[in-house]
Amino acid sequence: MSGGQIALGPGKVDLLESIDQEGSISGAARQNQISYRRAWDMVDTMNRCFKKPLVESATGGKGGGGAKLTLLGKKVIAIYREMENKATQATQGEWNALKNHLK
């Protein structure tokens, strides 16, 4: 949380990865099956919550627009995915215990 806003979460990290792959917010929105407006709002929230922007975008027009991750954006993805991996490893025993109760 940052200023009452959710700065980062799994959906936002997925969106960042898609922006990196697609080179645009609209392409990333399609890939994540969300509206362009929702994707734009998520990017705006992330950019406002962090000290430096995670995504830089260029306005569309004759030459076309686009978006790319900043170095911080790429670093945030790496840190988040590492946190996920550590959490998964740390809870593996509990997950196996739960799976014993599934059909």
N, C-alpha and C. Protein backbone atom coordinates (compact mmCIF):
# COMPACT_ATOMS: atom_id res chain seq x y z
N MET A 1 0.84 -1.18 0.00
CA MET A 1 0.00 0.00 0.00
C MET A 1 0.89 1.24 0.00
N SER A 2 0.42 2.22 -0.72
CA SER A 2 1.12 3.50 -0.78
C SER A 2 0.07 4.59 -0.92
N GLY A 3 -0.07 5.38 0.11
CA GLY A 3 -1.07 6.45 0.06
C GLY A 3 -2.47 5.95 -0.12
N GLY A 4 -2.78 4.79 0.46
CA GLY A 4 -4.12 4.23 0.34
C GLY A 4 -4.35 3.47 -0.96
N GLN A 5 -3.38 3.45 -1.85
CA GLN A 5 -3.47 2.73 -3.12
C GLN A 5 -2.72 1.41 -3.03
N ILE A 6 -3.20 0.41 -3.74
CA ILE A 6 -2.47 -0.86 -3.82
C ILE A 6 -1.42 -0.69 -4.91
N ALA A 7 -0.17 -0.59 -4.48
CA ALA A 7 0.92 -0.28 -5.40
C ALA A 7 1.26 -1.45 -6.32
N LEU A 8 1.11 -2.68 -5.84
CA LEU A 8 1.56 -3.83 -6.61
C LEU A 8 0.85 -5.08 -6.14
N GLY A 9 0.64 -5.98 -7.04
CA GLY A 9 0.03 -7.26 -6.76
C GLY A 9 0.20 -8.16 -7.97
N PRO A 10 -0.33 -9.37 -7.92
CA PRO A 10 -0.11 -10.31 -9.01
C PRO A 10 -0.64 -9.82 -10.35
N GLY A 11 -1.81 -9.21 -10.37
CA GLY A 11 -2.37 -8.71 -11.63
C GLY A 11 -1.55 -7.58 -12.22
N LYS A 12 -1.03 -6.73 -11.38
CA LYS A 12 -0.21 -5.61 -11.86
C LYS A 12 1.13 -6.11 -12.39
N VAL A 13 1.70 -7.09 -11.73
CA VAL A 13 2.97 -7.65 -12.21
C VAL A 13 2.74 -8.37 -13.55
N ASP A 14 1.64 -9.10 -13.66
CA ASP A 14 1.30 -9.74 -14.94
C ASP A 14 1.18 -8.68 -16.04
N LEU A 15 0.54 -7.57 -15.72
CA LEU A 15 0.37 -6.49 -16.69
C LEU A 15 1.72 -5.91 -17.09
N LEU A 16 2.59 -5.68 -16.12
CA LEU A 16 3.93 -5.17 -16.44
C LEU A 16 4.67 -6.12 -17.39
N GLU A 17 4.60 -7.42 -17.12
CA GLU A 17 5.25 -8.39 -17.99
C GLU A 17 4.67 -8.34 -19.40
N SER A 18 3.36 -8.17 -19.50
CA SER A 18 2.71 -8.09 -20.80
C SER A 18 3.10 -6.82 -21.54
N ILE A 19 3.21 -5.72 -20.83
CA ILE A 19 3.65 -4.47 -21.46
C ILE A 19 5.06 -4.65 -22.02
N ASP A 20 5.91 -5.32 -21.26
CA ASP A 20 7.27 -5.58 -21.72
C ASP A 20 7.27 -6.43 -22.99
N GLN A 21 6.38 -7.41 -23.07
CA GLN A 21 6.30 -8.29 -24.24
C GLN A 21 5.64 -7.60 -25.44
N GLU A 22 4.55 -6.89 -25.18
CA GLU A 22 3.73 -6.33 -26.25
C GLU A 22 4.20 -4.95 -26.73
N GLY A 23 4.84 -4.20 -25.85
CA GLY A 23 5.27 -2.86 -26.21
C GLY A 23 4.17 -1.83 -26.21
N SER A 24 3.03 -2.19 -25.63
CA SER A 24 1.92 -1.24 -25.55
C SER A 24 0.98 -1.64 -24.41
N ILE A 25 0.31 -0.63 -23.89
CA ILE A 25 -0.68 -0.89 -22.84
C ILE A 25 -1.90 -1.58 -23.43
N SER A 26 -2.31 -1.18 -24.64
CA SER A 26 -3.49 -1.79 -25.25
C SER A 26 -3.24 -3.27 -25.55
N GLY A 27 -2.06 -3.60 -26.07
CA GLY A 27 -1.72 -5.00 -26.33
C GLY A 27 -1.66 -5.81 -25.05
N ALA A 28 -1.11 -5.21 -24.01
CA ALA A 28 -1.03 -5.88 -22.72
C ALA A 28 -2.42 -6.09 -22.14
N ALA A 29 -3.30 -5.11 -22.32
CA ALA A 29 -4.68 -5.24 -21.84
C ALA A 29 -5.36 -6.42 -22.52
N ARG A 30 -5.21 -6.52 -23.85
CA ARG A 30 -5.81 -7.64 -24.58
C ARG A 30 -5.25 -8.97 -24.08
N GLN A 31 -3.94 -9.03 -23.89
CA GLN A 31 -3.30 -10.27 -23.43
C GLN A 31 -3.82 -10.69 -22.05
N ASN A 32 -4.13 -9.71 -21.21
CA ASN A 32 -4.61 -10.00 -19.85
C ASN A 32 -6.13 -10.01 -19.75
N GLN A 33 -6.79 -9.84 -20.88
CA GLN A 33 -8.25 -9.85 -20.96
C GLN A 33 -8.90 -8.84 -20.01
N ILE A 34 -8.34 -7.62 -20.04
CA ILE A 34 -8.93 -6.51 -19.28
C ILE A 34 -9.10 -5.34 -20.24
N SER A 35 -9.91 -4.38 -19.85
CA SER A 35 -10.11 -3.22 -20.72
C SER A 35 -8.86 -2.34 -20.74
N TYR A 36 -8.74 -1.57 -21.82
CA TYR A 36 -7.63 -0.63 -21.90
C TYR A 36 -7.68 0.34 -20.74
N ARG A 37 -8.87 0.80 -20.40
CA ARG A 37 -9.03 1.77 -19.30
C ARG A 37 -8.53 1.17 -17.98
N ARG A 38 -8.88 -0.08 -17.72
CA ARG A 38 -8.44 -0.75 -16.49
C ARG A 38 -6.91 -0.87 -16.48
N ALA A 39 -6.34 -1.26 -17.61
CA ALA A 39 -4.88 -1.40 -17.69
C ALA A 39 -4.21 -0.03 -17.48
N TRP A 40 -4.76 0.99 -18.11
CA TRP A 40 -4.19 2.33 -17.98
C TRP A 40 -4.27 2.79 -16.52
N ASP A 41 -5.39 2.55 -15.87
CA ASP A 41 -5.54 2.92 -14.45
C ASP A 41 -4.53 2.18 -13.58
N MET A 42 -4.29 0.91 -13.87
CA MET A 42 -3.31 0.13 -13.10
C MET A 42 -1.91 0.69 -13.28
N VAL A 43 -1.55 1.03 -14.51
CA VAL A 43 -0.24 1.62 -14.78
C VAL A 43 -0.12 2.96 -14.08
N ASP A 44 -1.16 3.77 -14.16
CA ASP A 44 -1.15 5.08 -13.51
C ASP A 44 -0.96 4.95 -12.00
N THR A 45 -1.65 4.01 -11.39
CA THR A 45 -1.51 3.77 -9.95
C THR A 45 -0.09 3.37 -9.60
N MET A 46 0.46 2.42 -10.36
CA MET A 46 1.84 1.98 -10.09
C MET A 46 2.81 3.14 -10.24
N ASN A 47 2.67 3.90 -11.31
CA ASN A 47 3.60 5.01 -11.54
C ASN A 47 3.50 6.07 -10.44
N ARG A 48 2.32 6.29 -9.91
CA ARG A 48 2.16 7.27 -8.82
C ARG A 48 2.66 6.75 -7.48
N CYS A 49 2.57 5.44 -7.27
CA CYS A 49 2.95 4.87 -5.97
C CYS A 49 4.45 4.70 -5.79
N PHE A 50 5.17 4.47 -6.87
CA PHE A 50 6.61 4.28 -6.76
C PHE A 50 7.34 5.62 -6.92
N LYS A 51 8.54 5.69 -6.37
CA LYS A 51 9.32 6.93 -6.42
C LYS A 51 9.64 7.35 -7.85
N LYS A 52 9.81 6.37 -8.72
CA LYS A 52 10.05 6.62 -10.14
C LYS A 52 9.06 5.77 -10.92
N PRO A 53 8.70 6.17 -12.14
CA PRO A 53 7.74 5.39 -12.93
C PRO A 53 8.25 4.00 -13.27
N LEU A 54 7.31 3.07 -13.40
CA LEU A 54 7.62 1.71 -13.82
C LEU A 54 7.41 1.55 -15.32
N VAL A 55 6.53 2.40 -15.88
CA VAL A 55 6.18 2.34 -17.30
C VAL A 55 6.28 3.73 -17.89
N GLU A 56 6.91 3.80 -19.07
CA GLU A 56 6.93 5.04 -19.84
C GLU A 56 6.10 4.80 -21.09
N SER A 57 5.25 5.77 -21.45
CA SER A 57 4.43 5.59 -22.63
C SER A 57 4.59 6.78 -23.56
N ALA A 58 4.38 6.50 -24.84
CA ALA A 58 4.39 7.53 -25.86
C ALA A 58 2.98 7.64 -26.42
N THR A 59 2.54 8.85 -26.67
CA THR A 59 1.20 9.08 -27.20
C THR A 59 1.10 8.53 -28.61
N GLY A 60 -0.06 7.98 -28.92
CA GLY A 60 -0.30 7.45 -30.26
C GLY A 60 -0.38 8.57 -31.28
N GLY A 61 -0.66 8.23 -32.49
CA GLY A 61 -0.74 9.21 -33.56
C GLY A 61 -0.17 8.62 -34.83
N LYS A 62 0.30 9.50 -35.71
CA LYS A 62 0.80 9.06 -37.01
C LYS A 62 1.92 8.02 -36.87
N GLY A 63 2.87 8.25 -35.97
CA GLY A 63 3.97 7.32 -35.77
C GLY A 63 3.64 6.19 -34.83
N GLY A 64 2.45 6.23 -34.24
CA GLY A 64 2.06 5.20 -33.29
C GLY A 64 2.57 5.48 -31.90
N GLY A 65 1.96 4.90 -30.95
CA GLY A 65 2.36 5.10 -29.56
C GLY A 65 3.13 3.89 -29.08
N GLY A 66 3.00 3.62 -27.83
CA GLY A 66 3.66 2.46 -27.28
C GLY A 66 3.97 2.69 -25.82
N ALA A 67 4.46 1.67 -25.20
CA ALA A 67 4.84 1.74 -23.79
C ALA A 67 5.99 0.78 -23.56
N LYS A 68 6.84 1.14 -22.64
CA LYS A 68 7.95 0.26 -22.27
C LYS A 68 8.21 0.38 -20.79
N LEU A 69 8.79 -0.67 -20.25
CA LEU A 69 9.15 -0.66 -18.84
C LEU A 69 10.42 0.14 -18.65
N THR A 70 10.49 0.80 -17.52
CA THR A 70 11.73 1.44 -17.12
C THR A 70 12.61 0.38 -16.47
N LEU A 71 13.84 0.75 -16.17
CA LEU A 71 14.71 -0.18 -15.46
C LEU A 71 14.09 -0.56 -14.12
N LEU A 72 13.47 0.41 -13.44
CA LEU A 72 12.82 0.11 -12.17
C LEU A 72 11.66 -0.85 -12.38
N GLY A 73 10.90 -0.68 -13.46
CA GLY A 73 9.80 -1.60 -13.75
C GLY A 73 10.28 -3.03 -13.89
N LYS A 74 11.39 -3.22 -14.59
CA LYS A 74 11.95 -4.57 -14.75
C LYS A 74 12.47 -5.11 -13.42
N LYS A 75 13.06 -4.23 -12.62
CA LYS A 75 13.57 -4.65 -11.32
C LYS A 75 12.43 -5.05 -10.39
N VAL A 76 11.34 -4.30 -10.42
CA VAL A 76 10.17 -4.61 -9.57
C VAL A 76 9.61 -5.99 -9.92
N ILE A 77 9.53 -6.31 -11.21
CA ILE A 77 9.06 -7.63 -11.62
C ILE A 77 9.96 -8.72 -11.03
N ALA A 78 11.27 -8.55 -11.17
CA ALA A 78 12.21 -9.55 -10.68
C ALA A 78 12.08 -9.74 -9.17
N ILE A 79 11.97 -8.64 -8.44
CA ILE A 79 11.83 -8.72 -6.98
C ILE A 79 10.53 -9.42 -6.60
N TYR A 80 9.44 -9.06 -7.26
CA TYR A 80 8.14 -9.65 -6.95
C TYR A 80 8.14 -11.16 -7.23
N ARG A 81 8.67 -11.55 -8.38
CA ARG A 81 8.70 -12.98 -8.73
C ARG A 81 9.59 -13.76 -7.76
N GLU A 82 10.66 -13.17 -7.30
CA GLU A 82 11.51 -13.83 -6.31
C GLU A 82 10.75 -14.00 -4.98
N MET A 83 9.99 -12.98 -4.60
CA MET A 83 9.16 -13.09 -3.39
C MET A 83 8.15 -14.23 -3.53
N GLU A 84 7.52 -14.33 -4.70
CA GLU A 84 6.57 -15.42 -4.94
C GLU A 84 7.24 -16.78 -4.81
N ASN A 85 8.41 -16.92 -5.41
CA ASN A 85 9.14 -18.20 -5.34
C ASN A 85 9.47 -18.56 -3.90
N LYS A 86 9.94 -17.60 -3.12
CA LYS A 86 10.27 -17.86 -1.72
C LYS A 86 9.03 -18.24 -0.92
N ALA A 87 7.92 -17.56 -1.18
CA ALA A 87 6.68 -17.87 -0.46
C ALA A 87 6.19 -19.28 -0.81
N THR A 88 6.30 -19.65 -2.08
CA THR A 88 5.89 -20.99 -2.51
C THR A 88 6.74 -22.05 -1.83
N GLN A 89 8.04 -21.84 -1.81
CA GLN A 89 8.94 -22.80 -1.17
C GLN A 89 8.66 -22.90 0.33
N ALA A 90 8.42 -21.76 0.96
CA ALA A 90 8.21 -21.74 2.41
C ALA A 90 6.92 -22.43 2.83
N THR A 91 5.94 -22.50 1.93
CA THR A 91 4.65 -23.09 2.29
C THR A 91 4.40 -24.44 1.62
N GLN A 92 5.43 -25.02 1.04
CA GLN A 92 5.27 -26.29 0.33
C GLN A 92 4.73 -27.40 1.23
N GLY A 93 5.21 -27.49 2.44
CA GLY A 93 4.73 -28.52 3.36
C GLY A 93 3.25 -28.39 3.66
N GLU A 94 2.82 -27.17 3.93
CA GLU A 94 1.40 -26.92 4.21
C GLU A 94 0.54 -27.23 2.98
N TRP A 95 1.03 -26.86 1.80
CA TRP A 95 0.28 -27.13 0.58
C TRP A 95 0.14 -28.64 0.38
N ASN A 96 1.20 -29.38 0.61
CA ASN A 96 1.12 -30.84 0.49
C ASN A 96 0.13 -31.42 1.49
N ALA A 97 0.09 -30.88 2.70
CA ALA A 97 -0.87 -31.35 3.70
C ALA A 97 -2.29 -31.07 3.26
N LEU A 98 -2.54 -29.90 2.66
CA LEU A 98 -3.88 -29.58 2.16
C LEU A 98 -4.27 -30.50 1.01
N LYS A 99 -3.34 -30.79 0.12
CA LYS A 99 -3.64 -31.63 -1.02
C LYS A 99 -4.08 -33.03 -0.58
N ASN A 100 -3.63 -33.47 0.57
CA ASN A 100 -4.05 -34.79 1.08
C ASN A 100 -5.53 -34.85 1.37
N HIS A 101 -6.17 -33.70 1.52
CA HIS A 101 -7.60 -33.65 1.85
C HIS A 101 -8.47 -33.39 0.62
N LEU A 102 -7.85 -33.23 -0.54
CA LEU A 102 -8.61 -32.98 -1.74
C LEU A 102 -9.04 -34.30 -2.38
N LYS A 103 -10.13 -34.25 -3.12
CA LYS A 103 -10.63 -35.44 -3.82
C LYS A 103 -9.75 -35.74 -5.00
